[in-house]
N, C-alpha and C. Protein backbone atom coordinates (compact mmCIF):
# COMPACT_ATOMS: atom_id res chain seq x y z
N UNK A 1 70.83 96.97 87.42
CA UNK A 1 70.13 96.71 88.65
C UNK A 1 70.89 96.66 90.05
N UNK A 2 70.71 97.06 90.78
CA UNK A 2 71.18 96.86 92.03
C UNK A 2 70.40 95.67 93.13
N UNK A 3 71.51 95.25 93.73
CA UNK A 3 70.99 93.79 94.91
C UNK A 3 71.49 94.24 95.87
N UNK A 4 71.34 94.81 96.90
CA UNK A 4 71.80 94.56 98.35
C UNK A 4 72.37 92.88 98.64
N UNK A 5 73.60 92.81 99.01
CA UNK A 5 73.87 91.40 99.74
C UNK A 5 74.15 91.68 100.91
N UNK A 6 73.59 90.86 102.17
CA UNK A 6 74.02 91.02 103.36
C UNK A 6 74.10 89.04 103.76
N UNK A 7 75.28 89.46 105.02
CA UNK A 7 75.66 88.25 105.27
C UNK A 7 75.83 88.33 106.94
N UNK A 8 75.96 87.41 107.63
CA UNK A 8 76.30 87.26 109.34
C UNK A 8 77.44 86.97 109.26
N UNK A 9 77.99 88.34 110.25
CA UNK A 9 79.43 87.79 110.43
C UNK A 9 79.48 87.84 112.33
N UNK A 10 79.80 86.82 113.04
CA UNK A 10 80.10 86.33 113.68
C UNK A 10 81.27 86.38 114.15
N UNK A 11 82.59 86.69 113.85
CA UNK A 11 83.49 86.57 114.50
C UNK A 11 83.81 87.97 115.53
N UNK A 12 83.80 88.22 117.15
CA UNK A 12 83.02 89.17 117.58
C UNK A 12 84.96 89.78 117.55
N UNK A 13 84.84 90.71 117.63
CA UNK A 13 86.45 91.34 117.68
C UNK A 13 86.99 91.36 116.64
N UNK A 14 86.65 90.81 116.04
CA UNK A 14 87.38 90.74 114.52
C UNK A 14 87.19 92.38 113.61
N UNK A 15 87.63 93.13 113.09
CA UNK A 15 87.98 93.90 112.23
C UNK A 15 86.59 93.89 110.77
N UNK A 16 85.80 94.04 111.02
CA UNK A 16 85.12 93.99 109.68
C UNK A 16 85.19 94.72 108.37
N UNK A 17 85.95 93.74 107.06
CA UNK A 17 86.09 94.10 106.32
C UNK A 17 85.05 94.30 104.78
N UNK A 18 84.24 95.31 104.75
CA UNK A 18 83.60 95.87 103.95
C UNK A 18 83.71 95.50 102.11
N UNK A 19 82.84 94.37 101.52
CA UNK A 19 82.74 94.17 100.30
C UNK A 19 82.22 95.27 99.14
N UNK A 20 82.82 95.69 98.07
CA UNK A 20 81.66 95.80 96.97
C UNK A 20 82.27 94.69 95.82
N UNK A 21 80.91 93.79 95.39
CA UNK A 21 81.14 92.96 94.85
C UNK A 21 80.35 93.22 93.31
N UNK A 22 81.78 93.74 92.01
CA UNK A 22 81.01 93.49 90.76
C UNK A 22 80.93 92.58 90.04
N UNK A 23 79.42 92.45 89.91
CA UNK A 23 79.64 91.07 89.23
C UNK A 23 77.67 91.07 88.47
N UNK A 24 77.87 90.28 87.32
CA UNK A 24 76.67 89.80 86.87
C UNK A 24 76.02 88.98 86.74
N UNK A 25 76.75 87.93 87.44
CA UNK A 25 75.82 86.77 87.74
C UNK A 25 75.67 86.85 89.11
N UNK A 26 74.12 86.48 89.35
CA UNK A 26 73.58 86.36 90.60
C UNK A 26 74.07 85.36 90.89
N UNK A 27 74.04 84.09 90.69
CA UNK A 27 74.29 82.80 91.33
C UNK A 27 75.68 82.98 91.98
N UNK A 28 76.53 83.50 90.80
CA UNK A 28 77.93 83.08 91.31
C UNK A 28 78.33 84.14 92.69
N UNK A 29 77.66 85.58 92.56
CA UNK A 29 77.93 86.28 94.03
C UNK A 29 77.09 85.84 95.09
N UNK A 30 76.13 85.17 94.84
CA UNK A 30 75.39 84.16 96.13
C UNK A 30 76.38 83.42 96.29
N UNK A 31 76.93 82.65 95.82
CA UNK A 31 77.93 81.88 96.03
C UNK A 31 79.63 82.45 96.92
N UNK A 32 80.08 83.36 95.92
CA UNK A 32 80.56 84.26 96.99
C UNK A 32 80.35 84.56 98.27
N UNK A 33 79.36 85.22 98.60
CA UNK A 33 78.74 85.68 99.71
C UNK A 33 78.49 84.85 100.68
N UNK A 34 77.83 83.78 100.31
CA UNK A 34 77.70 82.46 101.22
C UNK A 34 78.96 82.05 101.99
N UNK A 35 80.07 81.90 100.95
CA UNK A 35 81.44 81.03 101.64
C UNK A 35 82.38 82.11 102.35
N UNK A 36 81.56 83.24 102.32
CA UNK A 36 82.44 84.15 103.29
C UNK A 36 81.47 84.46 104.56
N UNK A 37 80.47 83.89 105.05
CA UNK A 37 79.74 83.76 105.80
C UNK A 37 80.82 83.59 106.99
N UNK A 38 80.21 84.19 108.69
CA UNK A 38 81.19 83.64 109.57
C UNK A 38 82.06 84.03 109.20
N UNK A 39 82.79 84.85 108.73
CA UNK A 39 84.49 85.36 108.37
C UNK A 39 84.39 87.31 108.67
N UNK A 40 85.93 87.40 108.36
CA UNK A 40 85.81 88.50 108.40
C UNK A 40 85.51 89.92 107.14
N UNK A 41 85.25 88.94 106.41
CA UNK A 41 84.46 89.77 105.10
C UNK A 41 83.22 90.10 105.15
N UNK A 42 82.67 91.16 104.29
CA UNK A 42 81.03 91.34 104.00
C UNK A 42 81.06 91.69 103.30
N UNK A 43 80.15 90.70 102.31
CA UNK A 43 79.77 91.62 101.07
C UNK A 43 78.14 92.48 101.59
N UNK A 44 78.77 93.85 101.02
CA UNK A 44 77.53 94.86 101.66
C UNK A 44 76.79 95.16 100.23
N UNK A 45 77.11 95.26 98.62
CA UNK A 45 76.81 95.50 98.19
C UNK A 45 77.13 94.80 96.85
N UNK A 46 76.23 94.49 95.71
CA UNK A 46 76.11 94.03 94.42
C UNK A 46 75.73 95.00 93.22
N UNK A 47 76.98 95.14 92.14
CA UNK A 47 76.71 95.39 91.29
C UNK A 47 77.20 95.32 89.78
N UNK A 48 76.34 95.62 88.93
CA UNK A 48 76.51 95.27 87.18
C UNK A 48 77.74 95.59 87.14
N UNK A 49 78.87 95.27 86.61
CA UNK A 49 80.26 95.84 85.75
C UNK A 49 80.03 96.85 85.00
N UNK A 50 78.78 97.03 84.42
CA UNK A 50 77.91 98.23 83.61
C UNK A 50 77.81 99.40 84.22
N UNK A 51 77.85 99.52 85.54
CA UNK A 51 77.59 100.33 86.74
C UNK A 51 78.79 101.10 86.61
N UNK A 52 78.57 102.57 87.09
CA UNK A 52 79.97 103.78 87.43
C UNK A 52 80.53 103.17 88.31
N UNK A 53 81.93 102.54 88.28
CA UNK A 53 82.39 102.33 89.41
C UNK A 53 82.97 103.17 90.46
N UNK A 54 83.05 104.32 89.99
CA UNK A 54 83.49 105.46 91.06
C UNK A 54 82.30 105.94 91.61
N UNK A 55 81.27 106.01 91.03
CA UNK A 55 80.24 106.35 92.03
C UNK A 55 79.36 105.36 93.07
N UNK A 56 80.09 104.11 92.49
CA UNK A 56 79.58 103.23 93.49
C UNK A 56 80.47 102.76 94.86
N UNK A 57 81.61 103.50 94.52
CA UNK A 57 82.66 103.53 95.61
C UNK A 57 82.33 104.44 96.07
N UNK A 58 81.71 105.12 96.15
CA UNK A 58 81.70 107.03 96.94
C UNK A 58 80.59 106.68 97.39
N UNK A 59 79.22 106.23 96.88
CA UNK A 59 78.17 105.78 97.71
C UNK A 59 78.31 104.83 98.92
N UNK A 60 78.85 103.86 98.55
CA UNK A 60 79.21 102.51 99.07
C UNK A 60 80.22 102.79 100.29
N UNK A 61 81.27 102.98 99.93
CA UNK A 61 82.48 103.32 101.07
C UNK A 61 83.03 102.15 100.82
N UNK A 62 83.45 100.99 100.08
CA UNK A 62 83.63 99.65 100.74
C UNK A 62 85.07 99.72 101.13
N UNK A 63 85.51 99.00 102.12
CA UNK A 63 86.74 98.35 102.61
C UNK A 63 87.49 97.78 101.28
N UNK A 64 86.90 96.95 100.83
CA UNK A 64 87.50 96.13 99.38
C UNK A 64 87.14 95.96 98.58
N UNK A 65 87.54 95.78 97.17
CA UNK A 65 86.79 95.92 96.11
C UNK A 65 86.72 94.44 95.23
N UNK A 66 85.81 93.73 95.01
CA UNK A 66 85.90 92.27 94.60
C UNK A 66 85.37 92.61 92.76
N UNK A 67 86.00 91.70 91.54
CA UNK A 67 85.56 92.23 90.59
C UNK A 67 85.57 90.66 90.14
N UNK A 68 84.24 90.46 89.37
CA UNK A 68 84.29 89.23 88.58
C UNK A 68 84.09 89.57 87.32
N UNK A 69 84.52 88.88 86.07
CA UNK A 69 84.81 90.28 84.88
C UNK A 69 85.44 89.24 83.95
N UNK A 70 84.73 88.89 83.22
CA UNK A 70 85.27 88.43 81.75
C UNK A 70 86.27 88.69 81.37
N UNK A 71 86.39 90.49 81.59
CA UNK A 71 87.64 91.02 80.77
C UNK A 71 87.60 92.48 81.33
N UNK A 72 88.14 93.29 82.09
CA UNK A 72 88.06 94.23 82.34
C UNK A 72 88.01 95.68 81.35
N UNK A 73 86.98 96.18 81.60
CA UNK A 73 86.77 97.25 80.23
C UNK A 73 88.19 98.67 80.32
N UNK A 74 88.43 99.41 79.63
CA UNK A 74 88.72 100.64 79.82
C UNK A 74 88.51 101.78 80.98
N UNK A 75 86.62 101.32 80.60
CA UNK A 75 86.67 102.37 81.87
C UNK A 75 86.51 101.71 83.45
N UNK A 76 86.85 100.48 83.32
CA UNK A 76 86.87 100.00 84.90
C UNK A 76 88.28 100.49 85.25
N UNK A 77 89.45 100.10 84.35
CA UNK A 77 90.53 100.26 84.71
C UNK A 77 91.27 101.36 84.98
N UNK A 78 90.68 102.38 84.29
CA UNK A 78 90.59 103.94 84.01
C UNK A 78 90.11 104.26 85.87
N UNK A 79 88.97 103.61 86.24
CA UNK A 79 88.36 104.17 87.67
C UNK A 79 89.13 103.61 88.84
N UNK A 80 89.85 102.33 88.48
CA UNK A 80 90.62 101.84 89.70
C UNK A 80 91.72 102.62 89.70
N UNK A 81 91.99 102.95 88.45
CA UNK A 81 93.39 103.67 88.88
C UNK A 81 93.10 105.07 89.34
N UNK A 82 92.23 105.87 88.97
CA UNK A 82 91.77 106.92 90.03
C UNK A 82 91.57 107.02 91.62
N UNK A 83 91.09 105.09 91.81
CA UNK A 83 90.57 105.29 92.92
C UNK A 83 92.21 104.69 93.31
N UNK A 84 92.93 104.31 92.91
CA UNK A 84 94.41 104.14 93.73
C UNK A 84 94.82 105.23 93.70
N UNK A 85 94.82 106.24 93.34
CA UNK A 85 95.23 107.83 93.47
C UNK A 85 95.01 108.35 94.60
N UNK A 86 93.23 108.42 95.06
CA UNK A 86 92.54 109.34 95.27
C UNK A 86 92.52 108.54 97.27
N UNK A 87 91.96 107.53 96.74
CA UNK A 87 91.06 106.96 97.77
C UNK A 87 91.66 105.04 97.70
N UNK A 88 92.78 104.91 97.55
CA UNK A 88 93.44 103.29 97.49
C UNK A 88 92.67 102.33 98.68
N UNK A 89 92.69 101.31 97.99
CA UNK A 89 91.97 100.25 98.75
C UNK A 89 92.49 98.92 98.23
N UNK A 90 92.12 97.83 98.90
CA UNK A 90 92.86 96.66 98.15
C UNK A 90 91.87 96.33 97.13
N UNK A 91 91.93 95.60 95.86
CA UNK A 91 91.19 95.32 94.88
C UNK A 91 91.50 93.97 94.11
N UNK A 92 90.01 93.32 94.29
CA UNK A 92 90.61 91.57 93.78
C UNK A 92 89.62 91.42 92.64
N UNK A 93 90.63 90.96 91.54
CA UNK A 93 90.05 91.04 90.21
C UNK A 93 89.71 89.72 89.42
N UNK A 94 88.79 88.86 89.66
CA UNK A 94 89.01 87.66 89.06
C UNK A 94 88.65 87.73 87.35
N UNK A 95 89.17 87.45 86.42
CA UNK A 95 88.73 87.47 85.27
C UNK A 95 88.94 85.87 84.25
N UNK A 96 88.60 85.93 82.90
CA UNK A 96 89.18 84.95 82.23
C UNK A 96 90.05 85.57 81.04
N UNK A 97 90.22 86.70 81.24
CA UNK A 97 91.43 87.19 80.26
C UNK A 97 92.62 86.88 80.92
N UNK A 98 93.56 86.13 80.14
CA UNK A 98 95.12 86.02 80.79
C UNK A 98 96.28 86.86 80.13
N UNK A 99 95.87 87.30 78.91
CA UNK A 99 96.88 87.81 78.28
C UNK A 99 98.53 89.40 79.33
N UNK A 100 99.02 88.77 79.12
CA UNK A 100 100.27 89.83 80.00
C UNK A 100 99.82 91.11 79.89
N UNK A 101 99.73 91.50 78.71
CA UNK A 101 99.02 92.98 78.99
C UNK A 101 97.70 93.38 79.58
N UNK A 102 96.92 93.06 79.85
CA UNK A 102 95.71 92.92 80.24
C UNK A 102 96.25 92.98 81.99
N UNK A 103 96.73 91.95 82.38
CA UNK A 103 97.22 91.72 83.95
C UNK A 103 98.38 92.79 84.12
N UNK A 104 99.30 93.22 83.41
CA UNK A 104 100.29 94.54 83.65
C UNK A 104 99.35 95.52 83.75
N UNK A 105 98.34 95.74 82.76
CA UNK A 105 97.15 97.20 82.91
C UNK A 105 96.56 96.93 84.38
N UNK A 106 95.90 95.73 84.56
CA UNK A 106 95.23 96.05 85.71
C UNK A 106 95.88 96.15 87.48
N UNK A 107 97.37 95.22 87.25
CA UNK A 107 98.07 96.07 88.53
C UNK A 107 98.16 96.95 88.02
N UNK A 108 98.54 97.78 87.20
CA UNK A 108 99.33 99.11 87.06
C UNK A 108 97.91 99.62 87.73
N UNK A 109 97.21 99.92 87.60
CA UNK A 109 95.69 100.39 87.98
C UNK A 109 95.27 100.41 89.12
N UNK A 110 96.17 99.43 89.97
CA UNK A 110 95.73 99.44 91.48
C UNK A 110 95.17 97.90 92.08
N UNK A 111 95.28 97.00 90.85
CA UNK A 111 94.57 95.78 91.32
C UNK A 111 95.60 94.89 92.27
N UNK A 112 95.11 94.66 93.62
CA UNK A 112 96.20 93.89 94.51
C UNK A 112 96.48 92.49 93.94
N UNK A 113 95.04 91.87 93.34
CA UNK A 113 95.10 90.73 93.28
C UNK A 113 94.67 89.82 91.93
N UNK A 114 95.30 89.87 91.01
CA UNK A 114 94.49 89.54 89.53
C UNK A 114 94.44 87.46 89.37
N UNK A 115 93.25 87.01 89.51
CA UNK A 115 93.32 85.74 89.59
C UNK A 115 92.59 85.31 88.17
N UNK A 116 92.93 84.39 87.24
CA UNK A 116 92.68 83.84 86.17
C UNK A 116 92.17 82.84 86.42
N UNK A 117 91.13 82.36 85.06
CA UNK A 117 90.18 81.43 85.71
C UNK A 117 88.68 81.21 85.97
N UNK A 118 88.29 80.14 86.23
CA UNK A 118 86.90 79.79 87.35
C UNK A 118 87.04 80.37 88.31
N UNK A 119 86.22 80.82 88.84
CA UNK A 119 86.37 81.76 90.56
C UNK A 119 85.77 80.28 90.90
N UNK A 120 86.33 79.42 92.04
CA UNK A 120 85.73 78.55 92.74
C UNK A 120 85.71 79.21 94.47
N UNK A 121 84.45 79.25 94.87
CA UNK A 121 84.06 80.08 95.93
C UNK A 121 85.04 79.47 97.01
N UNK A 122 86.02 78.29 97.53
CA UNK A 122 86.53 77.81 98.42
C UNK A 122 87.98 78.83 98.87
N UNK A 123 88.32 78.96 97.27
CA UNK A 123 89.54 79.94 97.35
C UNK A 123 89.74 81.14 97.35
N UNK A 124 88.26 82.03 97.42
CA UNK A 124 87.70 83.55 97.71
C UNK A 124 88.54 83.78 99.27
N UNK A 125 88.33 83.22 100.34
CA UNK A 125 89.16 83.85 101.32
C UNK A 125 90.28 83.80 101.40
N UNK A 126 91.12 82.80 101.18
CA UNK A 126 92.45 82.60 100.71
C UNK A 126 92.81 83.89 100.29
N UNK A 127 92.23 83.98 99.32
CA UNK A 127 93.23 85.17 98.19
C UNK A 127 92.28 86.75 98.82
N UNK A 128 91.62 86.83 99.06
CA UNK A 128 91.24 88.11 99.76
C UNK A 128 92.27 88.38 101.11
N UNK A 129 92.40 87.17 102.01
CA UNK A 129 93.62 87.38 103.00
C UNK A 129 94.81 88.10 101.88
N UNK A 130 95.28 87.45 101.40
CA UNK A 130 96.52 87.53 100.41
C UNK A 130 96.56 89.30 100.00
N UNK A 131 96.09 89.18 99.41
CA UNK A 131 95.49 90.54 98.53
C UNK A 131 95.59 91.65 99.46
N UNK A 132 94.81 91.89 100.52
CA UNK A 132 94.43 92.60 102.00
C UNK A 132 95.97 92.87 102.18
N UNK A 133 96.60 91.55 102.68
CA UNK A 133 98.22 91.53 103.71
C UNK A 133 98.89 92.30 102.54
N UNK A 134 98.66 91.89 101.01
CA UNK A 134 99.77 92.51 100.32
C UNK A 134 99.42 94.55 100.02
N UNK A 135 98.41 94.56 100.13
CA UNK A 135 98.20 96.01 99.91
C UNK A 135 98.15 96.92 101.28
N UNK A 136 98.68 96.12 102.23
CA UNK A 136 98.45 97.06 103.41
C UNK A 136 100.27 96.93 103.39
N UNK A 137 100.92 95.92 102.94
CA UNK A 137 102.37 95.97 103.35
C UNK A 137 102.60 97.57 102.20
N UNK A 138 101.89 97.44 100.70
CA UNK A 138 102.23 98.29 99.90
C UNK A 138 101.90 99.81 100.31
N UNK A 139 100.95 100.00 101.08
CA UNK A 139 100.69 100.81 101.53
C UNK A 139 101.64 101.55 102.77
N UNK A 140 102.04 100.45 103.29
CA UNK A 140 103.61 101.01 104.46
C UNK A 140 104.77 101.50 103.81
N UNK A 141 105.44 100.37 102.90
CA UNK A 141 106.31 101.06 102.05
C UNK A 141 105.70 102.29 101.57
N UNK A 142 104.99 102.78 100.79
CA UNK A 142 104.57 103.92 100.15
C UNK A 142 105.08 104.79 101.15
N UNK A 143 103.96 104.53 102.49
CA UNK A 143 104.10 105.65 103.52
C UNK A 143 105.62 106.11 104.10
N UNK A 144 106.52 105.15 104.46
CA UNK A 144 107.47 105.56 104.73
C UNK A 144 108.56 105.86 103.41
N UNK A 145 108.35 105.81 101.85
CA UNK A 145 109.23 106.35 101.01
C UNK A 145 108.51 107.95 101.29
N UNK A 146 107.54 107.64 101.40
CA UNK A 146 106.86 109.66 101.00
C UNK A 146 107.86 110.25 102.27
N UNK A 147 107.56 109.33 103.55
CA UNK A 147 108.27 110.31 104.30
C UNK A 147 109.91 110.61 104.49
N UNK A 148 110.40 109.64 104.16
CA UNK A 148 111.75 109.76 104.00
C UNK A 148 112.12 110.90 103.01
N UNK A 149 111.29 111.00 101.25
CA UNK A 149 111.30 111.95 100.70
C UNK A 149 110.93 113.46 101.48
N UNK A 150 110.39 113.84 102.14
CA UNK A 150 110.08 114.68 102.95
C UNK A 150 110.81 114.92 103.75
N UNK A 151 111.52 114.15 104.42
CA UNK A 151 112.31 114.63 105.09
C UNK A 151 113.94 115.10 104.35
N UNK A 152 114.20 114.54 103.17
CA UNK A 152 114.96 114.91 102.78
C UNK A 152 114.46 116.20 102.06
N UNK A 153 113.69 116.22 101.13
CA UNK A 153 113.70 117.80 101.20
C UNK A 153 113.41 118.60 102.18
N UNK A 154 112.94 118.62 103.30
CA UNK A 154 113.33 119.67 104.90
C UNK A 154 114.37 119.73 105.13
N UNK A 155 115.33 118.66 105.24
CA UNK A 155 117.03 119.03 104.77
C UNK A 155 117.35 119.33 103.97
N UNK A 156 117.34 119.49 102.81
CA UNK A 156 118.11 120.31 101.65
C UNK A 156 117.56 121.99 101.89
N UNK A 157 116.05 121.88 102.08
CA UNK A 157 115.52 123.72 102.00
C UNK A 157 116.28 123.99 103.81
N UNK A 158 116.69 123.23 104.71
CA UNK A 158 117.38 123.88 105.70
C UNK A 158 118.87 124.06 105.72
N UNK A 159 119.36 123.09 104.81
CA UNK A 159 121.07 123.56 104.34
C UNK A 159 121.04 124.61 103.50
N UNK A 160 119.94 124.74 102.52
CA UNK A 160 120.02 126.11 102.04
C UNK A 160 119.77 127.24 102.55
N UNK A 161 118.94 127.45 103.68
CA UNK A 161 118.44 128.68 104.24
C UNK A 161 120.06 128.67 105.01
N UNK A 162 120.33 127.68 105.52
CA UNK A 162 121.50 127.90 106.57
C UNK A 162 123.06 128.35 105.55
N UNK A 163 122.90 128.12 104.03
CA UNK A 163 123.92 128.71 104.03
C UNK A 163 123.80 130.09 103.28
N UNK A 164 122.63 130.29 102.90
CA UNK A 164 122.41 131.58 102.88
C UNK A 164 122.89 132.80 103.94
N UNK A 165 122.02 132.60 105.65
CA UNK A 165 122.78 132.82 106.52
C UNK A 165 124.26 133.28 106.87
N UNK A 166 124.86 132.09 106.16
CA UNK A 166 126.19 132.03 106.55
C UNK A 166 126.97 133.29 105.11
N UNK A 167 126.20 133.42 104.43
CA UNK A 167 126.70 133.94 103.30
C UNK A 167 125.89 135.44 103.21
N UNK A 168 124.66 135.55 103.77
CA UNK A 168 124.57 136.68 103.82
C UNK A 168 124.87 137.70 105.59
N UNK A 169 125.10 136.97 106.12
CA UNK A 169 125.01 137.92 107.62
C UNK A 169 126.36 137.39 108.18
N UNK A 170 127.31 136.40 107.12
CA UNK A 170 128.71 136.51 107.55
C UNK A 170 128.48 135.56 109.19
N UNK A 171 127.99 134.36 109.22
CA UNK A 171 127.44 133.54 110.33
C UNK A 171 128.74 132.64 110.10
N UNK A 172 128.63 131.43 111.45
CA UNK A 172 129.37 129.99 111.10
C UNK A 172 128.05 129.32 110.43
N UNK A 173 128.73 128.10 110.59
CA UNK A 173 127.43 127.00 110.32
C UNK A 173 126.91 127.05 111.54
N UNK A 174 127.36 127.04 112.62
CA UNK A 174 126.60 126.57 114.11
C UNK A 174 125.95 127.94 114.62
N UNK A 175 126.06 129.20 114.42
CA UNK A 175 125.66 130.42 114.40
C UNK A 175 124.07 130.12 113.52
N UNK A 176 124.41 130.23 112.41
CA UNK A 176 123.46 130.03 111.22
C UNK A 176 121.93 129.14 111.80
N UNK A 177 122.47 128.05 112.17
CA UNK A 177 121.53 126.86 112.55
C UNK A 177 121.15 127.08 114.08
N UNK A 178 121.63 127.86 114.68
CA UNK A 178 121.34 128.24 116.12
C UNK A 178 120.36 129.69 115.66
N UNK A 179 120.40 130.51 115.01
CA UNK A 179 119.48 131.11 114.62
C UNK A 179 118.12 130.98 114.38
N UNK A 180 118.28 129.83 112.82
CA UNK A 180 116.89 129.37 112.45
C UNK A 180 116.45 128.68 114.17
N UNK A 181 117.26 128.04 114.89
CA UNK A 181 116.17 127.24 115.66
C UNK A 181 115.37 128.19 116.30
N UNK A 182 116.22 128.91 116.57
CA UNK A 182 115.92 129.82 117.88
C UNK A 182 114.69 130.65 117.24
N UNK A 183 114.60 131.05 115.90
CA UNK A 183 113.89 131.54 115.30
C UNK A 183 112.13 130.27 115.61
N UNK A 184 112.77 128.88 115.19
CA UNK A 184 111.75 128.47 115.15
C UNK A 184 110.76 128.40 116.57
N UNK A 185 111.52 128.02 117.51
CA UNK A 185 111.16 127.97 118.70
C UNK A 185 110.09 129.27 119.38
N UNK A 186 110.79 130.89 118.78
CA UNK A 186 110.04 132.52 119.11
C UNK A 186 108.72 131.93 118.23
N UNK A 187 108.89 131.46 117.40
CA UNK A 187 107.36 131.91 116.77
C UNK A 187 106.32 130.56 116.38
N UNK A 188 106.93 129.32 117.21
CA UNK A 188 106.23 128.11 117.16
C UNK A 188 105.80 127.73 115.17
N UNK A 189 107.12 127.79 114.79
CA UNK A 189 106.77 127.20 113.41
C UNK A 189 107.84 126.23 113.12
N UNK A 190 107.63 124.87 111.92
CA UNK A 190 108.75 124.06 112.10
C UNK A 190 109.80 124.72 111.22
N UNK A 191 110.97 123.81 111.72
CA UNK A 191 111.87 124.31 111.18
C UNK A 191 112.12 124.46 109.50
N UNK A 192 111.58 123.52 109.11
CA UNK A 192 111.79 124.00 107.82
C UNK A 192 110.76 124.92 107.09
N UNK A 193 109.92 125.52 108.08
CA UNK A 193 109.38 126.59 107.35
C UNK A 193 110.09 127.59 107.75
N UNK A 194 110.56 127.95 108.63
CA UNK A 194 111.39 129.03 109.19
C UNK A 194 112.75 129.08 107.74
N UNK A 195 113.03 127.60 107.37
CA UNK A 195 114.08 127.67 106.53
C UNK A 195 113.50 128.23 105.09
N UNK A 196 112.38 127.91 104.60
CA UNK A 196 111.57 128.17 103.50
C UNK A 196 111.31 130.20 103.40
N UNK A 197 111.01 130.78 104.51
CA UNK A 197 111.31 132.07 104.69
C UNK A 197 112.27 132.83 104.42
N UNK A 198 112.87 132.15 105.20
CA UNK A 198 114.59 132.83 104.66
C UNK A 198 114.93 132.68 103.68
N UNK A 199 114.69 131.73 103.39
CA UNK A 199 115.33 131.77 101.41
C UNK A 199 114.45 132.49 100.61
N UNK A 200 113.10 132.69 100.89
CA UNK A 200 112.25 134.08 100.47
C UNK A 200 112.78 135.17 100.80
N UNK A 201 113.28 135.73 101.59
CA UNK A 201 114.03 136.65 102.27
C UNK A 201 115.48 137.28 102.12
N UNK A 202 115.82 136.02 101.39
CA UNK A 202 117.57 136.24 101.80
C UNK A 202 118.02 135.69 100.22
N UNK A 203 117.15 135.29 99.30
CA UNK A 203 117.94 134.64 97.89
C UNK A 203 118.30 135.52 97.37
N UNK A 204 116.96 136.79 97.50
CA UNK A 204 117.15 138.08 95.94
C UNK A 204 117.75 139.21 97.30
N UNK A 205 118.35 139.17 98.40
CA UNK A 205 118.38 139.89 99.23
C UNK A 205 119.62 140.65 98.93
């Protein structure tokens, strides 16, 4: 059974963060919703843990997922892992399960904050704040790492093409690089794309 849960957000100019709440306790869900009134968080949908999480996320398109559950099932962890890979977003899990293996599996599946014990409504907002901050910092580091890897890969490709030009065309290193740069400018391509084409043409020449 689905329940739409809406709150009022009165913080003008504050970006609204929309929450998909997974909980089978209506009273507890109402308590969470109430404590988030007038904050930057807004519970836009309440769903049962038994419902397909991937479909819920696809339909609702929340900014944050909050799960209040006795113990996360394999289906929930698998769904969170898929979300983390293809459409990452902050995930906060409140659970009674406190064994290390479950916590590690949850974090590995993309949970930003795993909170053990009874849910105290007044703790929800600061926990969400910390989870969002942690998620954003992780995504920033992940993007920087990806950019660095891409830059290194491009540099290696350019160096490989340059060596091939030097060997096949008897050019100096400076001449090889200038040739590649001129080709990139003349064709409107990126230097590493020119390098990939040269490698393909010259490697078996």
